Amino acid sequence: MITRTRDTISDRSRFILIGALVGAALGLVAALVAAGTLEERQQRSDAGLSLKPPKLLDIVKFSIAALMLLRQFADMLTPGE
């Protein structure tokens, strides 16, 4: 049996804290990937090779996948029926 005490944080605060931590972790990973890509791009430009920018369809696919991931995460946090 779960008992609640007055000194525990509320569910809303806990979800906000978890969301902030997950967002920070994802932001860090995205920054590391972007930094690695920038280094690779500089190395290729020094070697005379060029990278093609992502196509619009690739950006749309990535955006849809990111939204679906967020939706699945939100579904995990909703109480079951």
PDB file of N, CA and C in Angstrom:
ATOM      1  N   MET A   1       0.831  -1.163   0.000  1.00  0.00           N
ATOM      2  CA  MET A   1       0.000   0.000   0.000  1.00  0.00           C
ATOM      3  C   MET A   1       0.889   1.244   0.000  1.00  0.00           C
ATOM      4  N   ILE A   2       0.543   2.183  -0.842  1.00  0.00           N
ATOM      5  CA  ILE A   2       1.337   3.401  -0.970  1.00  0.00           C
ATOM      6  C   ILE A   2       0.736   4.476  -0.080  1.00  0.00           C
ATOM      7  N   THR A   3       1.566   5.044   0.742  1.00  0.00           N
ATOM      8  CA  THR A   3       1.114   6.155   1.577  1.00  0.00           C
ATOM      9  C   THR A   3       1.860   7.406   1.153  1.00  0.00           C
ATOM     10  N   ARG A   4       1.157   8.508   1.210  1.00  0.00           N
ATOM     11  CA  ARG A   4       1.753   9.781   0.811  1.00  0.00           C
ATOM     12  C   ARG A   4       1.996  10.618   2.051  1.00  0.00           C
ATOM     13  N   THR A   5       3.114  11.271   2.033  1.00  0.00           N
ATOM     14  CA  THR A   5       3.406  12.195   3.116  1.00  0.00           C
ATOM     15  C   THR A   5       3.359  13.611   2.567  1.00  0.00           C
ATOM     16  N   ARG A   6       3.313  14.565   3.431  1.00  0.00           N
ATOM     17  CA  ARG A   6       3.180  15.951   3.012  1.00  0.00           C
ATOM     18  C   ARG A   6       4.463  16.503   2.412  1.00  0.00           C
ATOM     19  N   ASP A   7       5.592  15.892   2.682  1.00  0.00           N
ATOM     20  CA  ASP A   7       6.858  16.434   2.198  1.00  0.00           C
ATOM     21  C   ASP A   7       7.262  15.906   0.825  1.00  0.00           C
ATOM     22  N   THR A   8       6.446  15.086   0.193  1.00  0.00           N
ATOM     23  CA  THR A   8       6.761  14.628  -1.162  1.00  0.00           C
ATOM     24  C   THR A   8       6.320  15.682  -2.164  1.00  0.00           C
ATOM     25  N   ILE A   9       6.972  15.694  -3.317  1.00  0.00           N
ATOM     26  CA  ILE A   9       6.599  16.665  -4.337  1.00  0.00           C
ATOM     27  C   ILE A   9       5.339  16.193  -5.052  1.00  0.00           C
ATOM     28  N   SER A  10       4.593  17.131  -5.588  1.00  0.00           N
ATOM     29  CA  SER A  10       3.341  16.783  -6.256  1.00  0.00           C
ATOM     30  C   SER A  10       3.635  16.076  -7.577  1.00  0.00           C
ATOM     31  N   ASP A  11       2.618  15.412  -8.100  1.00  0.00           N
ATOM     32  CA  ASP A  11       2.772  14.706  -9.375  1.00  0.00           C
ATOM     33  C   ASP A  11       3.123  15.678 -10.494  1.00  0.00           C
ATOM     34  N   ARG A  12       2.488  16.836 -10.480  1.00  0.00           N
ATOM     35  CA  ARG A  12       2.757  17.840 -11.518  1.00  0.00           C
ATOM     36  C   ARG A  12       4.223  18.274 -11.481  1.00  0.00           C
ATOM     37  N   SER A  13       4.715  18.545 -10.293  1.00  0.00           N
ATOM     38  CA  SER A  13       6.117  18.959 -10.161  1.00  0.00           C
ATOM     39  C   SER A  13       7.068  17.841 -10.582  1.00  0.00           C
ATOM     40  N   ARG A  14       6.701  16.613 -10.243  1.00  0.00           N
ATOM     41  CA  ARG A  14       7.544  15.476 -10.610  1.00  0.00           C
ATOM     42  C   ARG A  14       7.602  15.316 -12.128  1.00  0.00           C
ATOM     43  N   PHE A  15       6.449  15.457 -12.804  1.00  0.00           N
ATOM     44  CA  PHE A  15       6.433  15.341 -14.261  1.00  0.00           C
ATOM     45  C   PHE A  15       7.220  16.466 -14.914  1.00  0.00           C
ATOM     46  N   ILE A  16       7.113  17.664 -14.361  1.00  0.00           N
ATOM     47  CA  ILE A  16       7.882  18.786 -14.900  1.00  0.00           C
ATOM     48  C   ILE A  16       9.373  18.528 -14.727  1.00  0.00           C
ATOM     49  N   LEU A  17       9.770  18.022 -13.579  1.00  0.00           N
ATOM     50  CA  LEU A  17      11.181  17.715 -13.332  1.00  0.00           C
ATOM     51  C   LEU A  17      11.676  16.615 -14.279  1.00  0.00           C
ATOM     52  N   ILE A  18      10.890  15.564 -14.445  1.00  0.00           N
ATOM     53  CA  ILE A  18      11.272  14.480 -15.356  1.00  0.00           C
ATOM     54  C   ILE A  18      11.361  14.999 -16.784  1.00  0.00           C
ATOM     55  N   GLY A  19      10.392  15.808 -17.192  1.00  0.00           N
ATOM     56  CA  GLY A  19      10.411  16.387 -18.535  1.00  0.00           C
ATOM     57  C   GLY A  19      11.624  17.261 -18.766  1.00  0.00           C
ATOM     58  N   ALA A  20      11.986  18.049 -17.754  1.00  0.00           N
ATOM     59  CA  ALA A  20      13.160  18.912 -17.877  1.00  0.00           C
ATOM     60  C   ALA A  20      14.438  18.080 -18.002  1.00  0.00           C
ATOM     61  N   LEU A  21      14.535  17.019 -17.225  1.00  0.00           N
ATOM     62  CA  LEU A  21      15.724  16.163 -17.289  1.00  0.00           C
ATOM     63  C   LEU A  21      15.824  15.439 -18.629  1.00  0.00           C
ATOM     64  N   VAL A  22      14.685  14.924 -19.110  1.00  0.00           N
ATOM     65  CA  VAL A  22      14.679  14.243 -20.404  1.00  0.00           C
ATOM     66  C   VAL A  22      15.014  15.234 -21.517  1.00  0.00           C
ATOM     67  N   GLY A  23      14.447  16.431 -21.449  1.00  0.00           N
ATOM     68  CA  GLY A  23      14.740  17.464 -22.439  1.00  0.00           C
ATOM     69  C   GLY A  23      16.203  17.868 -22.435  1.00  0.00           C
ATOM     70  N   ALA A  24      16.774  17.977 -21.243  1.00  0.00           N
ATOM     71  CA  ALA A  24      18.189  18.330 -21.145  1.00  0.00           C
ATOM     72  C   ALA A  24      19.071  17.226 -21.731  1.00  0.00           C
ATOM     73  N   ALA A  25      18.713  15.979 -21.447  1.00  0.00           N
ATOM     74  CA  ALA A  25      19.494  14.862 -21.982  1.00  0.00           C
ATOM     75  C   ALA A  25      19.399  14.812 -23.506  1.00  0.00           C
ATOM     76  N   LEU A  26      18.191  14.980 -24.037  1.00  0.00           N
ATOM     77  CA  LEU A  26      18.027  14.966 -25.497  1.00  0.00           C
ATOM     78  C   LEU A  26      18.741  16.159 -26.136  1.00  0.00           C
ATOM     79  N   GLY A  27      18.693  17.306 -25.481  1.00  0.00           N
ATOM     80  CA  GLY A  27      19.396  18.485 -25.987  1.00  0.00           C
ATOM     81  C   GLY A  27      20.898  18.267 -26.018  1.00  0.00           C
ATOM     82  N   LEU A  28      21.428  17.619 -24.986  1.00  0.00           N
ATOM     83  CA  LEU A  28      22.860  17.330 -24.945  1.00  0.00           C
ATOM     84  C   LEU A  28      23.254  16.381 -26.073  1.00  0.00           C
ATOM     85  N   VAL A  29      22.458  15.352 -26.289  1.00  0.00           N
ATOM     86  CA  VAL A  29      22.746  14.405 -27.370  1.00  0.00           C
ATOM     87  C   VAL A  29      22.686  15.112 -28.729  1.00  0.00           C
ATOM     88  N   ALA A  30      21.671  15.950 -28.913  1.00  0.00           N
ATOM     89  CA  ALA A  30      21.553  16.680 -30.176  1.00  0.00           C
ATOM     90  C   ALA A  30      22.746  17.613 -30.387  1.00  0.00           C
ATOM     91  N   ALA A  31      23.201  18.266 -29.328  1.00  0.00           N
ATOM     92  CA  ALA A  31      24.359  19.155 -29.437  1.00  0.00           C
ATOM     93  C   ALA A  31      25.626  18.373 -29.773  1.00  0.00           C
ATOM     94  N   LEU A  32      25.787  17.200 -29.174  1.00  0.00           N
ATOM     95  CA  LEU A  32      26.965  16.376 -29.480  1.00  0.00           C
ATOM     96  C   LEU A  32      26.944  15.906 -30.931  1.00  0.00           C
ATOM     97  N   VAL A  33      25.775  15.519 -31.416  1.00  0.00           N
ATOM     98  CA  VAL A  33      25.653  15.093 -32.810  1.00  0.00           C
ATOM     99  C   VAL A  33      25.940  16.270 -33.743  1.00  0.00           C
ATOM    100  N   ALA A  34      25.399  17.441 -33.416  1.00  0.00           N
ATOM    101  CA  ALA A  34      25.619  18.619 -34.252  1.00  0.00           C
ATOM    102  C   ALA A  34      27.093  19.012 -34.261  1.00  0.00           C
ATOM    103  N   ALA A  35      27.754  18.927 -33.112  1.00  0.00           N
ATOM    104  CA  ALA A  35      29.178  19.262 -33.048  1.00  0.00           C
ATOM    105  C   ALA A  35      30.000  18.275 -33.870  1.00  0.00           C
ATOM    106  N   GLY A  36      29.655  16.993 -33.780  1.00  0.00           N
ATOM    107  CA  GLY A  36      30.358  15.990 -34.578  1.00  0.00           C
ATOM    108  C   GLY A  36      30.156  16.203 -36.064  1.00  0.00           C
ATOM    109  N   THR A  37      28.937  16.575 -36.440  1.00  0.00           N
ATOM    110  CA  THR A  37      28.636  16.847 -37.845  1.00  0.00           C
ATOM    111  C   THR A  37      29.405  18.058 -38.342  1.00  0.00           C
ATOM    112  N   LEU A  38      29.500  19.082 -37.501  1.00  0.00           N
ATOM    113  CA  LEU A  38      30.241  20.283 -37.877  1.00  0.00           C
ATOM    114  C   LEU A  38      31.724  19.960 -38.095  1.00  0.00           C
ATOM    115  N   GLU A  39      32.293  19.162 -37.209  1.00  0.00           N
ATOM    116  CA  GLU A  39      33.693  18.763 -37.365  1.00  0.00           C
ATOM    117  C   GLU A  39      33.889  17.964 -38.650  1.00  0.00           C
ATOM    118  N   GLU A  40      32.960  17.036 -38.917  1.00  0.00           N
ATOM    119  CA  GLU A  40      33.057  16.222 -40.132  1.00  0.00           C
ATOM    120  C   GLU A  40      32.944  17.097 -41.374  1.00  0.00           C
ATOM    121  N   ARG A  41      32.033  18.066 -41.324  1.00  0.00           N
ATOM    122  CA  ARG A  41      31.853  18.967 -42.462  1.00  0.00           C
ATOM    123  C   ARG A  41      33.124  19.791 -42.709  1.00  0.00           C
ATOM    124  N   GLN A  42      33.760  20.254 -41.641  1.00  0.00           N
ATOM    125  CA  GLN A  42      35.002  21.024 -41.794  1.00  0.00           C
ATOM    126  C   GLN A  42      36.115  20.153 -42.370  1.00  0.00           C
ATOM    127  N   GLN A  43      36.205  18.906 -41.916  1.00  0.00           N
ATOM    128  CA  GLN A  43      37.230  18.004 -42.441  1.00  0.00           C
ATOM    129  C   GLN A  43      36.991  17.721 -43.919  1.00  0.00           C
ATOM    130  N   ARG A  44      35.734  17.534 -44.288  1.00  0.00           N
ATOM    131  CA  ARG A  44      35.441  17.261 -45.697  1.00  0.00           C
ATOM    132  C   ARG A  44      35.702  18.479 -46.572  1.00  0.00           C
ATOM    133  N   SER A  45      35.392  19.666 -46.056  1.00  0.00           N
ATOM    134  CA  SER A  45      35.640  20.869 -46.862  1.00  0.00           C
ATOM    135  C   SER A  45      37.142  21.103 -47.015  1.00  0.00           C
ATOM    136  N   ASP A  46      37.921  20.755 -45.989  1.00  0.00           N
ATOM    137  CA  ASP A  46      39.383  20.863 -46.099  1.00  0.00           C
ATOM    138  C   ASP A  46      39.924  19.884 -47.133  1.00  0.00           C
ATOM    139  N   ALA A  47      39.259  18.743 -47.275  1.00  0.00           N
ATOM    140  CA  ALA A  47      39.692  17.734 -48.240  1.00  0.00           C
ATOM    141  C   ALA A  47      39.120  17.992 -49.634  1.00  0.00           C
ATOM    142  N   GLY A  48      38.279  19.011 -49.783  1.00  0.00           N
ATOM    143  CA  GLY A  48      37.713  19.331 -51.086  1.00  0.00           C
ATOM    144  C   GLY A  48      36.406  18.612 -51.373  1.00  0.00           C
ATOM    145  N   LEU A  49      35.851  17.914 -50.397  1.00  0.00           N
ATOM    146  CA  LEU A  49      34.574  17.225 -50.563  1.00  0.00           C
ATOM    147  C   LEU A  49      33.462  18.103 -49.997  1.00  0.00           C
ATOM    148  N   SER A  50      32.273  17.944 -50.504  1.00  0.00           N
ATOM    149  CA  SER A  50      31.157  18.740 -49.992  1.00  0.00           C
ATOM    150  C   SER A  50      30.014  17.833 -49.560  1.00  0.00           C
ATOM    151  N   LEU A  51      29.282  18.280 -48.555  1.00  0.00           N
ATOM    152  CA  LEU A  51      28.104  17.553 -48.089  1.00  0.00           C
ATOM    153  C   LEU A  51      26.857  18.231 -48.624  1.00  0.00           C
ATOM    154  N   LYS A  52      25.899  17.428 -49.008  1.00  0.00           N
ATOM    155  CA  LYS A  52      24.630  17.978 -49.460  1.00  0.00           C
ATOM    156  C   LYS A  52      23.773  18.309 -48.238  1.00  0.00           C
ATOM    157  N   PRO A  53      23.072  19.425 -48.260  1.00  0.00           N
ATOM    158  CA  PRO A  53      22.167  19.717 -47.142  1.00  0.00           C
ATOM    159  C   PRO A  53      20.986  18.753 -47.169  1.00  0.00           C
ATOM    160  N   PRO A  54      20.351  18.547 -46.017  1.00  0.00           N
ATOM    161  CA  PRO A  54      19.207  17.628 -46.015  1.00  0.00           C
ATOM    162  C   PRO A  54      18.074  18.169 -46.877  1.00  0.00           C
ATOM    163  N   LYS A  55      17.373  17.251 -47.519  1.00  0.00           N
ATOM    164  CA  LYS A  55      16.234  17.630 -48.355  1.00  0.00           C
ATOM    165  C   LYS A  55      15.037  17.939 -47.461  1.00  0.00           C
ATOM    166  N   LEU A  56      14.081  18.657 -48.010  1.00  0.00           N
ATOM    167  CA  LEU A  56      12.883  19.026 -47.260  1.00  0.00           C
ATOM    168  C   LEU A  56      12.146  17.779 -46.778  1.00  0.00           C
ATOM    169  N   LEU A  57      12.082  16.750 -47.600  1.00  0.00           N
ATOM    170  CA  LEU A  57      11.396  15.521 -47.216  1.00  0.00           C
ATOM    171  C   LEU A  57      12.086  14.866 -46.010  1.00  0.00           C
ATOM    172  N   ASP A  58      13.410  14.915 -45.972  1.00  0.00           N
ATOM    173  CA  ASP A  58      14.136  14.362 -44.832  1.00  0.00           C
ATOM    174  C   ASP A  58      13.808  15.115 -43.543  1.00  0.00           C
ATOM    175  N   ILE A  59      13.692  16.440 -43.636  1.00  0.00           N
ATOM    176  CA  ILE A  59      13.364  17.246 -42.463  1.00  0.00           C
ATOM    177  C   ILE A  59      11.942  16.941 -41.994  1.00  0.00           C
ATOM    178  N   VAL A  60      11.024  16.772 -42.932  1.00  0.00           N
ATOM    179  CA  VAL A  60       9.639  16.450 -42.582  1.00  0.00           C
ATOM    180  C   VAL A  60       9.574  15.078 -41.926  1.00  0.00           C
ATOM    181  N   LYS A  61      10.286  14.098 -42.478  1.00  0.00           N
ATOM    182  CA  LYS A  61      10.296  12.750 -41.890  1.00  0.00           C
ATOM    183  C   LYS A  61      10.847  12.775 -40.471  1.00  0.00           C
ATOM    184  N   PHE A  62      11.923  13.528 -40.259  1.00  0.00           N
ATOM    185  CA  PHE A  62      12.521  13.624 -38.928  1.00  0.00           C
ATOM    186  C   PHE A  62      11.551  14.290 -37.956  1.00  0.00           C
ATOM    187  N   SER A  63      10.881  15.350 -38.398  1.00  0.00           N
ATOM    188  CA  SER A  63       9.934  16.060 -37.533  1.00  0.00           C
ATOM    189  C   SER A  63       8.775  15.161 -37.138  1.00  0.00           C
ATOM    190  N   ILE A  64       8.255  14.391 -38.077  1.00  0.00           N
ATOM    191  CA  ILE A  64       7.150  13.477 -37.777  1.00  0.00           C
ATOM    192  C   ILE A  64       7.609  12.396 -36.803  1.00  0.00           C
ATOM    193  N   ALA A  65       8.799  11.873 -37.008  1.00  0.00           N
ATOM    194  CA  ALA A  65       9.315  10.844 -36.100  1.00  0.00           C
ATOM    195  C   ALA A  65       9.504  11.409 -34.695  1.00  0.00           C
ATOM    196  N   ALA A  66       9.987  12.639 -34.581  1.00  0.00           N
ATOM    197  CA  ALA A  66      10.168  13.257 -33.276  1.00  0.00           C
ATOM    198  C   ALA A  66       8.825  13.473 -32.582  1.00  0.00           C
ATOM    199  N   LEU A  67       7.819  13.910 -33.331  1.00  0.00           N
ATOM    200  CA  LEU A  67       6.491  14.101 -32.748  1.00  0.00           C
ATOM    201  C   LEU A  67       5.886  12.778 -32.297  1.00  0.00           C
ATOM    202  N   MET A  68       6.075  11.737 -33.074  1.00  0.00           N
ATOM    203  CA  MET A  68       5.553  10.422 -32.689  1.00  0.00           C
ATOM    204  C   MET A  68       6.239   9.920 -31.417  1.00  0.00           C
ATOM    205  N   LEU A  69       7.538  10.172 -31.295  1.00  0.00           N
ATOM    206  CA  LEU A  69       8.259   9.780 -30.089  1.00  0.00           C
ATOM    207  C   LEU A  69       7.725  10.530 -28.874  1.00  0.00           C
ATOM    208  N   LEU A  70       7.474  11.821 -29.021  1.00  0.00           N
ATOM    209  CA  LEU A  70       6.906  12.607 -27.926  1.00  0.00           C
ATOM    210  C   LEU A  70       5.506  12.114 -27.561  1.00  0.00           C
ATOM    211  N   ARG A  71       4.727  11.764 -28.561  1.00  0.00           N
ATOM    212  CA  ARG A  71       3.378  11.259 -28.296  1.00  0.00           C
ATOM    213  C   ARG A  71       3.429   9.931 -27.542  1.00  0.00           C
ATOM    214  N   GLN A  72       4.334   9.047 -27.928  1.00  0.00           N
ATOM    215  CA  GLN A  72       4.464   7.774 -27.232  1.00  0.00           C
ATOM    216  C   GLN A  72       4.912   7.987 -25.795  1.00  0.00           C
ATOM    217  N   PHE A  73       5.814   8.945 -25.581  1.00  0.00           N
ATOM    218  CA  PHE A  73       6.266   9.229 -24.230  1.00  0.00           C
ATOM    219  C   PHE A  73       5.117   9.780 -23.397  1.00  0.00           C
ATOM    220  N   ALA A  74       4.303  10.665 -23.987  1.00  0.00           N
ATOM    221  CA  ALA A  74       3.156  11.211 -23.270  1.00  0.00           C
ATOM    222  C   ALA A  74       2.142  10.125 -22.957  1.00  0.00           C
ATOM    223  N   ASP A  75       1.955   9.175 -23.873  1.00  0.00           N
ATOM    224  CA  ASP A  75       1.028   8.065 -23.621  1.00  0.00           C
ATOM    225  C   ASP A  75       1.499   7.181 -22.475  1.00  0.00           C
ATOM    226  N   MET A  76       2.799   7.060 -22.308  1.00  0.00           N
ATOM    227  CA  MET A  76       3.324   6.260 -21.200  1.00  0.00           C
ATOM    228  C   MET A  76       3.009   6.915 -19.856  1.00  0.00           C
ATOM    229  N   LEU A  77       2.913   8.234 -19.845  1.00  0.00           N
ATOM    230  CA  LEU A  77       2.687   8.941 -18.592  1.00  0.00           C
ATOM    231  C   LEU A  77       1.218   9.072 -18.215  1.00  0.00           C
ATOM    232  N   THR A  78       0.325   8.779 -19.157  1.00  0.00           N
ATOM    233  CA  THR A  78      -1.103   8.870 -18.848  1.00  0.00           C
ATOM    234  C   THR A  78      -1.532   7.622 -18.085  1.00  0.00           C
ATOM    235  N   PRO A  79      -2.421   7.794 -17.120  1.00  0.00           N
ATOM    236  CA  PRO A  79      -2.868   6.622 -16.347  1.00  0.00           C
ATOM    237  C   PRO A  79      -3.648   5.646 -17.222  1.00  0.00           C
ATOM    238  N   GLY A  80      -3.459   4.381 -16.966  1.00  0.00           N
ATOM    239  CA  GLY A  80      -4.131   3.329 -17.736  1.00  0.00           C
ATOM    240  C   GLY A  80      -5.610   3.249 -17.391  1.00  0.00           C
ATOM    241  N   GLU A  81      -6.355   2.741 -18.327  1.00  0.00           N
ATOM    242  CA  GLU A  81      -7.805   2.597 -18.097  1.00  0.00           C
ATOM    243  C   GLU A  81      -8.130   1.219 -17.619  1.00  0.00           C
TER     244      GLU A  81
END
